[in-house]
Amino acid sequence: MAGPSVGLRQVSTEVLKKLLGHVHREELEYPLAPIPLAAVGLQAHTEPLMDHLRGLDGKGVRAVLVAVLGERLEE
């Protein structure tokens, strides 16, 4: 699975929770960029995160993460 068509499925739930924690603690600036993601230890996940969260403000990033994590909890 590669490319934008797979959504955030290739990013683990643990990584998404970590990112959401940084969002809640207001530790990131928006729109997201590779260097700030690397600064919080998410450099290995930059490509899929940027593919789907690029250009969003903090509220948008939070909404996407909450929705994706919510769907995963229902599975």
PDB file of N, CA and C in Angstrom:
ATOM      1  N   MET A   1       0.845  -1.189   0.000  1.00  0.00           N
ATOM      2  CA  MET A   1       0.000   0.000   0.000  1.00  0.00           C
ATOM      3  C   MET A   1       0.879   1.237   0.000  1.00  0.00           C
ATOM      4  N   ALA A   2       0.737   2.026  -0.986  1.00  0.00           N
ATOM      5  CA  ALA A   2       1.507   3.267  -1.021  1.00  0.00           C
ATOM      6  C   ALA A   2       0.700   4.321  -1.769  1.00  0.00           C
ATOM      7  N   GLY A   3       1.016   5.557  -1.504  1.00  0.00           N
ATOM      8  CA  GLY A   3       0.369   6.645  -2.211  1.00  0.00           C
ATOM      9  C   GLY A   3      -0.817   7.203  -1.469  1.00  0.00           C
ATOM     10  N   PRO A   4      -1.312   8.319  -1.942  1.00  0.00           N
ATOM     11  CA  PRO A   4      -2.379   9.022  -1.260  1.00  0.00           C
ATOM     12  C   PRO A   4      -3.695   8.267  -1.177  1.00  0.00           C
ATOM     13  N   SER A   5      -3.928   7.299  -2.059  1.00  0.00           N
ATOM     14  CA  SER A   5      -5.219   6.622  -2.092  1.00  0.00           C
ATOM     15  C   SER A   5      -5.463   5.735  -0.878  1.00  0.00           C
ATOM     16  N   VAL A   6      -4.447   5.424  -0.086  1.00  0.00           N
ATOM     17  CA  VAL A   6      -4.644   4.549   1.063  1.00  0.00           C
ATOM     18  C   VAL A   6      -4.970   5.326   2.332  1.00  0.00           C
ATOM     19  N   GLY A   7      -5.085   6.612   2.230  1.00  0.00           N
ATOM     20  CA  GLY A   7      -5.402   7.417   3.402  1.00  0.00           C
ATOM     21  C   GLY A   7      -4.331   7.291   4.462  1.00  0.00           C
ATOM     22  N   LEU A   8      -4.748   7.267   5.695  1.00  0.00           N
ATOM     23  CA  LEU A   8      -3.800   7.159   6.803  1.00  0.00           C
ATOM     24  C   LEU A   8      -3.678   5.726   7.311  1.00  0.00           C
ATOM     25  N   ARG A   9      -4.140   4.754   6.539  1.00  0.00           N
ATOM     26  CA  ARG A   9      -4.082   3.357   6.963  1.00  0.00           C
ATOM     27  C   ARG A   9      -2.671   2.868   7.212  1.00  0.00           C
ATOM     28  N   GLN A  10      -1.700   3.423   6.512  1.00  0.00           N
ATOM     29  CA  GLN A  10      -0.325   2.960   6.695  1.00  0.00           C
ATOM     30  C   GLN A  10       0.342   3.566   7.925  1.00  0.00           C
ATOM     31  N   VAL A  11      -0.336   4.460   8.616  1.00  0.00           N
ATOM     32  CA  VAL A  11       0.181   5.059   9.843  1.00  0.00           C
ATOM     33  C   VAL A  11      -0.487   4.345  11.020  1.00  0.00           C
ATOM     34  N   SER A  12       0.327   3.846  11.940  1.00  0.00           N
ATOM     35  CA  SER A  12      -0.219   3.069  13.057  1.00  0.00           C
ATOM     36  C   SER A  12      -1.077   3.924  13.974  1.00  0.00           C
ATOM     37  N   THR A  13      -1.953   3.258  14.693  1.00  0.00           N
ATOM     38  CA  THR A  13      -2.808   3.925  15.669  1.00  0.00           C
ATOM     39  C   THR A  13      -1.953   4.611  16.724  1.00  0.00           C
ATOM     40  N   GLU A  14      -0.888   3.968  17.154  1.00  0.00           N
ATOM     41  CA  GLU A  14       0.002   4.546  18.161  1.00  0.00           C
ATOM     42  C   GLU A  14       0.599   5.875  17.679  1.00  0.00           C
ATOM     43  N   VAL A  15       1.021   5.918  16.429  1.00  0.00           N
ATOM     44  CA  VAL A  15       1.599   7.142  15.866  1.00  0.00           C
ATOM     45  C   VAL A  15       0.537   8.236  15.776  1.00  0.00           C
ATOM     46  N   LEU A  16      -0.659   7.888  15.352  1.00  0.00           N
ATOM     47  CA  LEU A  16      -1.732   8.889  15.260  1.00  0.00           C
ATOM     48  C   LEU A  16      -2.089   9.434  16.642  1.00  0.00           C
ATOM     49  N   LYS A  17      -2.101   8.561  17.655  1.00  0.00           N
ATOM     50  CA  LYS A  17      -2.366   9.012  19.019  1.00  0.00           C
ATOM     51  C   LYS A  17      -1.260   9.951  19.493  1.00  0.00           C
ATOM     52  N   LYS A  18      -0.018   9.621  19.161  1.00  0.00           N
ATOM     53  CA  LYS A  18       1.109  10.480  19.541  1.00  0.00           C
ATOM     54  C   LYS A  18       0.950  11.858  18.906  1.00  0.00           C
ATOM     55  N   LEU A  19       0.634  11.886  17.614  1.00  0.00           N
ATOM     56  CA  LEU A  19       0.442  13.158  16.924  1.00  0.00           C
ATOM     57  C   LEU A  19      -0.716  13.934  17.544  1.00  0.00           C
ATOM     58  N   LEU A  20      -1.808  13.260  17.848  1.00  0.00           N
ATOM     59  CA  LEU A  20      -2.955  13.927  18.451  1.00  0.00           C
ATOM     60  C   LEU A  20      -2.583  14.523  19.806  1.00  0.00           C
ATOM     61  N   GLY A  21      -1.749  13.832  20.565  1.00  0.00           N
ATOM     62  CA  GLY A  21      -1.280  14.374  21.836  1.00  0.00           C
ATOM     63  C   GLY A  21      -0.526  15.673  21.636  1.00  0.00           C
ATOM     64  N   HIS A  22       0.334  15.723  20.626  1.00  0.00           N
ATOM     65  CA  HIS A  22       1.062  16.959  20.331  1.00  0.00           C
ATOM     66  C   HIS A  22       0.103  18.067  19.896  1.00  0.00           C
ATOM     67  N   VAL A  23      -0.921  17.696  19.149  1.00  0.00           N
ATOM     68  CA  VAL A  23      -1.933  18.678  18.721  1.00  0.00           C
ATOM     69  C   VAL A  23      -2.660  19.234  19.948  1.00  0.00           C
ATOM     70  N   HIS A  24      -3.106  18.346  20.846  1.00  0.00           N
ATOM     71  CA  HIS A  24      -3.822  18.782  22.053  1.00  0.00           C
ATOM     72  C   HIS A  24      -2.961  19.688  22.933  1.00  0.00           C
ATOM     73  N   ARG A  25      -1.674  19.386  23.008  1.00  0.00           N
ATOM     74  CA  ARG A  25      -0.762  20.182  23.845  1.00  0.00           C
ATOM     75  C   ARG A  25      -0.265  21.441  23.123  1.00  0.00           C
ATOM     76  N   GLU A  26      -0.766  21.643  21.908  1.00  0.00           N
ATOM     77  CA  GLU A  26      -0.409  22.812  21.094  1.00  0.00           C
ATOM     78  C   GLU A  26       1.103  22.936  20.902  1.00  0.00           C
ATOM     79  N   GLU A  27       1.735  21.798  20.589  1.00  0.00           N
ATOM     80  CA  GLU A  27       3.185  21.750  20.403  1.00  0.00           C
ATOM     81  C   GLU A  27       3.607  21.857  18.944  1.00  0.00           C
ATOM     82  N   LEU A  28       2.658  22.008  18.048  1.00  0.00           N
ATOM     83  CA  LEU A  28       2.958  22.087  16.623  1.00  0.00           C
ATOM     84  C   LEU A  28       2.408  23.380  16.043  1.00  0.00           C
ATOM     85  N   GLU A  29       2.991  23.785  14.919  1.00  0.00           N
ATOM     86  CA  GLU A  29       2.468  24.928  14.176  1.00  0.00           C
ATOM     87  C   GLU A  29       1.812  24.413  12.905  1.00  0.00           C
ATOM     88  N   TYR A  30       0.887  25.192  12.381  1.00  0.00           N
ATOM     89  CA  TYR A  30       0.129  24.786  11.202  1.00  0.00           C
ATOM     90  C   TYR A  30       0.271  25.822  10.109  1.00  0.00           C
ATOM     91  N   PRO A  31       0.216  25.370   8.886  1.00  0.00           N
ATOM     92  CA  PRO A  31       0.078  23.977   8.474  1.00  0.00           C
ATOM     93  C   PRO A  31       1.317  23.168   8.856  1.00  0.00           C
ATOM     94  N   LEU A  32       1.099  21.856   9.012  1.00  0.00           N
ATOM     95  CA  LEU A  32       2.196  20.963   9.381  1.00  0.00           C
ATOM     96  C   LEU A  32       3.292  21.003   8.330  1.00  0.00           C
ATOM     97  N   ALA A  33       4.500  20.745   8.778  1.00  0.00           N
ATOM     98  CA  ALA A  33       5.664  20.711   7.892  1.00  0.00           C
ATOM     99  C   ALA A  33       6.597  19.600   8.368  1.00  0.00           C
ATOM    100  N   PRO A  34       7.447  19.085   7.487  1.00  0.00           N
ATOM    101  CA  PRO A  34       8.326  17.962   7.839  1.00  0.00           C
ATOM    102  C   PRO A  34       9.248  18.222   9.034  1.00  0.00           C
ATOM    103  N   ILE A  35       9.840  19.392   9.138  1.00  0.00           N
ATOM    104  CA  ILE A  35      10.808  19.629  10.223  1.00  0.00           C
ATOM    105  C   ILE A  35      10.135  19.585  11.600  1.00  0.00           C
ATOM    106  N   PRO A  36       9.002  20.245  11.803  1.00  0.00           N
ATOM    107  CA  PRO A  36       8.339  20.126  13.111  1.00  0.00           C
ATOM    108  C   PRO A  36       7.893  18.692  13.424  1.00  0.00           C
ATOM    109  N   LEU A  37       7.476  17.939  12.413  1.00  0.00           N
ATOM    110  CA  LEU A  37       7.117  16.540  12.655  1.00  0.00           C
ATOM    111  C   LEU A  37       8.337  15.754  13.111  1.00  0.00           C
ATOM    112  N   ALA A  38       9.481  16.005  12.486  1.00  0.00           N
ATOM    113  CA  ALA A  38      10.719  15.334  12.886  1.00  0.00           C
ATOM    114  C   ALA A  38      11.115  15.737  14.300  1.00  0.00           C
ATOM    115  N   ALA A  39      10.880  16.988  14.665  1.00  0.00           N
ATOM    116  CA  ALA A  39      11.250  17.470  15.990  1.00  0.00           C
ATOM    117  C   ALA A  39      10.498  16.760  17.109  1.00  0.00           C
ATOM    118  N   VAL A  40       9.322  16.204  16.787  1.00  0.00           N
ATOM    119  CA  VAL A  40       8.554  15.459  17.798  1.00  0.00           C
ATOM    120  C   VAL A  40       8.654  13.953  17.569  1.00  0.00           C
ATOM    121  N   GLY A  41       9.627  13.542  16.749  1.00  0.00           N
ATOM    122  CA  GLY A  41       9.905  12.124  16.565  1.00  0.00           C
ATOM    123  C   GLY A  41       9.053  11.408  15.541  1.00  0.00           C
ATOM    124  N   LEU A  42       8.415  12.134  14.649  1.00  0.00           N
ATOM    125  CA  LEU A  42       7.531  11.506  13.658  1.00  0.00           C
ATOM    126  C   LEU A  42       8.111  11.540  12.250  1.00  0.00           C
ATOM    127  N   GLN A  43       9.427  11.692  12.135  1.00  0.00           N
ATOM    128  CA  GLN A  43      10.058  11.806  10.827  1.00  0.00           C
ATOM    129  C   GLN A  43       9.815  10.586   9.931  1.00  0.00           C
ATOM    130  N   ALA A  44       9.694   9.412  10.496  1.00  0.00           N
ATOM    131  CA  ALA A  44       9.471   8.206   9.691  1.00  0.00           C
ATOM    132  C   ALA A  44       8.074   8.176   9.072  1.00  0.00           C
ATOM    133  N   HIS A  45       7.208   9.050   9.536  1.00  0.00           N
ATOM    134  CA  HIS A  45       5.813   9.056   9.082  1.00  0.00           C
ATOM    135  C   HIS A  45       5.444  10.338   8.343  1.00  0.00           C
ATOM    136  N   THR A  46       6.455  11.138   8.040  1.00  0.00           N
ATOM    137  CA  THR A  46       6.205  12.442   7.426  1.00  0.00           C
ATOM    138  C   THR A  46       5.426  12.339   6.118  1.00  0.00           C
ATOM    139  N   GLU A  47       5.831  11.448   5.230  1.00  0.00           N
ATOM    140  CA  GLU A  47       5.187  11.388   3.912  1.00  0.00           C
ATOM    141  C   GLU A  47       3.696  11.109   3.997  1.00  0.00           C
ATOM    142  N   PRO A  48       3.248  10.033   4.669  1.00  0.00           N
ATOM    143  CA  PRO A  48       1.795   9.812   4.702  1.00  0.00           C
ATOM    144  C   PRO A  48       1.040  10.885   5.484  1.00  0.00           C
ATOM    145  N   LEU A  49       1.662  11.411   6.538  1.00  0.00           N
ATOM    146  CA  LEU A  49       0.988  12.478   7.295  1.00  0.00           C
ATOM    147  C   LEU A  49       0.831  13.727   6.446  1.00  0.00           C
ATOM    148  N   MET A  50       1.888  14.098   5.748  1.00  0.00           N
ATOM    149  CA  MET A  50       1.820  15.294   4.905  1.00  0.00           C
ATOM    150  C   MET A  50       0.880  15.090   3.718  1.00  0.00           C
ATOM    151  N   ASP A  51       0.805  13.867   3.203  1.00  0.00           N
ATOM    152  CA  ASP A  51      -0.103  13.595   2.082  1.00  0.00           C
ATOM    153  C   ASP A  51      -1.550  13.921   2.445  1.00  0.00           C
ATOM    154  N   HIS A  52      -1.917  13.748   3.721  1.00  0.00           N
ATOM    155  CA  HIS A  52      -3.318  13.880   4.106  1.00  0.00           C
ATOM    156  C   HIS A  52      -3.628  15.039   5.034  1.00  0.00           C
ATOM    157  N   LEU A  53      -2.600  15.618   5.634  1.00  0.00           N
ATOM    158  CA  LEU A  53      -2.846  16.708   6.577  1.00  0.00           C
ATOM    159  C   LEU A  53      -2.272  18.045   6.116  1.00  0.00           C
ATOM    160  N   ARG A  54      -1.603  18.019   4.967  1.00  0.00           N
ATOM    161  CA  ARG A  54      -0.984  19.240   4.422  1.00  0.00           C
ATOM    162  C   ARG A  54      -2.027  20.335   4.227  1.00  0.00           C
ATOM    163  N   GLY A  55      -1.691  21.516   4.685  1.00  0.00           N
ATOM    164  CA  GLY A  55      -2.548  22.683   4.467  1.00  0.00           C
ATOM    165  C   GLY A  55      -3.651  22.871   5.493  1.00  0.00           C
ATOM    166  N   LEU A  56      -3.854  21.900   6.372  1.00  0.00           N
ATOM    167  CA  LEU A  56      -4.920  22.033   7.366  1.00  0.00           C
ATOM    168  C   LEU A  56      -4.453  22.876   8.545  1.00  0.00           C
ATOM    169  N   ASP A  57      -5.386  23.571   9.161  1.00  0.00           N
ATOM    170  CA  ASP A  57      -5.067  24.273  10.403  1.00  0.00           C
ATOM    171  C   ASP A  57      -5.168  23.282  11.557  1.00  0.00           C
ATOM    172  N   GLY A  58      -4.917  23.734  12.756  1.00  0.00           N
ATOM    173  CA  GLY A  58      -4.932  22.849  13.920  1.00  0.00           C
ATOM    174  C   GLY A  58      -6.268  22.150  14.124  1.00  0.00           C
ATOM    175  N   LYS A  59      -7.355  22.883  13.916  1.00  0.00           N
ATOM    176  CA  LYS A  59      -8.691  22.283  14.077  1.00  0.00           C
ATOM    177  C   LYS A  59      -8.926  21.196  13.042  1.00  0.00           C
ATOM    178  N   GLY A  60      -8.445  21.414  11.833  1.00  0.00           N
ATOM    179  CA  GLY A  60      -8.602  20.426  10.777  1.00  0.00           C
ATOM    180  C   GLY A  60      -7.797  19.168  11.057  1.00  0.00           C
ATOM    181  N   VAL A  61      -6.552  19.346  11.493  1.00  0.00           N
ATOM    182  CA  VAL A  61      -5.704  18.194  11.830  1.00  0.00           C
ATOM    183  C   VAL A  61      -6.349  17.406  12.957  1.00  0.00           C
ATOM    184  N   ARG A  62      -6.805  18.106  13.977  1.00  0.00           N
ATOM    185  CA  ARG A  62      -7.453  17.440  15.120  1.00  0.00           C
ATOM    186  C   ARG A  62      -8.689  16.665  14.661  1.00  0.00           C
ATOM    187  N   ALA A  63      -9.504  17.270  13.820  1.00  0.00           N
ATOM    188  CA  ALA A  63     -10.726  16.614  13.346  1.00  0.00           C
ATOM    189  C   ALA A  63     -10.411  15.341  12.563  1.00  0.00           C
ATOM    190  N   VAL A  64      -9.424  15.397  11.686  1.00  0.00           N
ATOM    191  CA  VAL A  64      -9.051  14.209  10.904  1.00  0.00           C
ATOM    192  C   VAL A  64      -8.544  13.116  11.832  1.00  0.00           C
ATOM    193  N   LEU A  65      -7.664  13.460  12.748  1.00  0.00           N
ATOM    194  CA  LEU A  65      -7.102  12.449  13.650  1.00  0.00           C
ATOM    195  C   LEU A  65      -8.178  11.822  14.527  1.00  0.00           C
ATOM    196  N   VAL A  66      -9.061  12.627  15.071  1.00  0.00           N
ATOM    197  CA  VAL A  66     -10.145  12.110  15.910  1.00  0.00           C
ATOM    198  C   VAL A  66     -11.047  11.187  15.097  1.00  0.00           C
ATOM    199  N   ALA A  67     -11.361  11.565  13.862  1.00  0.00           N
ATOM    200  CA  ALA A  67     -12.228  10.735  13.013  1.00  0.00           C
ATOM    201  C   ALA A  67     -11.559   9.400  12.689  1.00  0.00           C
ATOM    202  N   VAL A  68     -10.289   9.439  12.298  1.00  0.00           N
ATOM    203  CA  VAL A  68      -9.581   8.204  11.940  1.00  0.00           C
ATOM    204  C   VAL A  68      -9.459   7.298  13.158  1.00  0.00           C
ATOM    205  N   LEU A  69      -9.066   7.862  14.287  1.00  0.00           N
ATOM    206  CA  LEU A  69      -8.931   7.050  15.501  1.00  0.00           C
ATOM    207  C   LEU A  69     -10.283   6.504  15.942  1.00  0.00           C
ATOM    208  N   GLY A  70     -11.327   7.295  15.808  1.00  0.00           N
ATOM    209  CA  GLY A  70     -12.680   6.832  16.144  1.00  0.00           C
ATOM    210  C   GLY A  70     -13.101   5.649  15.280  1.00  0.00           C
ATOM    211  N   GLU A  71     -12.803   5.703  13.993  1.00  0.00           N
ATOM    212  CA  GLU A  71     -13.128   4.594  13.099  1.00  0.00           C
ATOM    213  C   GLU A  71     -12.375   3.346  13.492  1.00  0.00           C
ATOM    214  N   ARG A  72     -11.111   3.508  13.876  1.00  0.00           N
ATOM    215  CA  ARG A  72     -10.307   2.350  14.255  1.00  0.00           C
ATOM    216  C   ARG A  72     -10.823   1.709  15.544  1.00  0.00           C
ATOM    217  N   LEU A  73     -11.348   2.493  16.458  1.00  0.00           N
ATOM    218  CA  LEU A  73     -11.884   1.938  17.691  1.00  0.00           C
ATOM    219  C   LEU A  73     -13.126   1.111  17.430  1.00  0.00           C
ATOM    220  N   GLU A  74     -13.860   1.442  16.369  1.00  0.00           N
ATOM    221  CA  GLU A  74     -15.082   0.719  16.040  1.00  0.00           C
ATOM    222  C   GLU A  74     -14.796  -0.627  15.380  1.00  0.00           C
ATOM    223  N   GLU A  75     -13.604  -0.793  14.858  1.00  0.00           N
ATOM    224  CA  GLU A  75     -13.269  -2.039  14.130  1.00  0.00           C
ATOM    225  C   GLU A  75     -13.140  -3.208  15.063  1.00  0.00           C
TER     226      GLU A  75
END
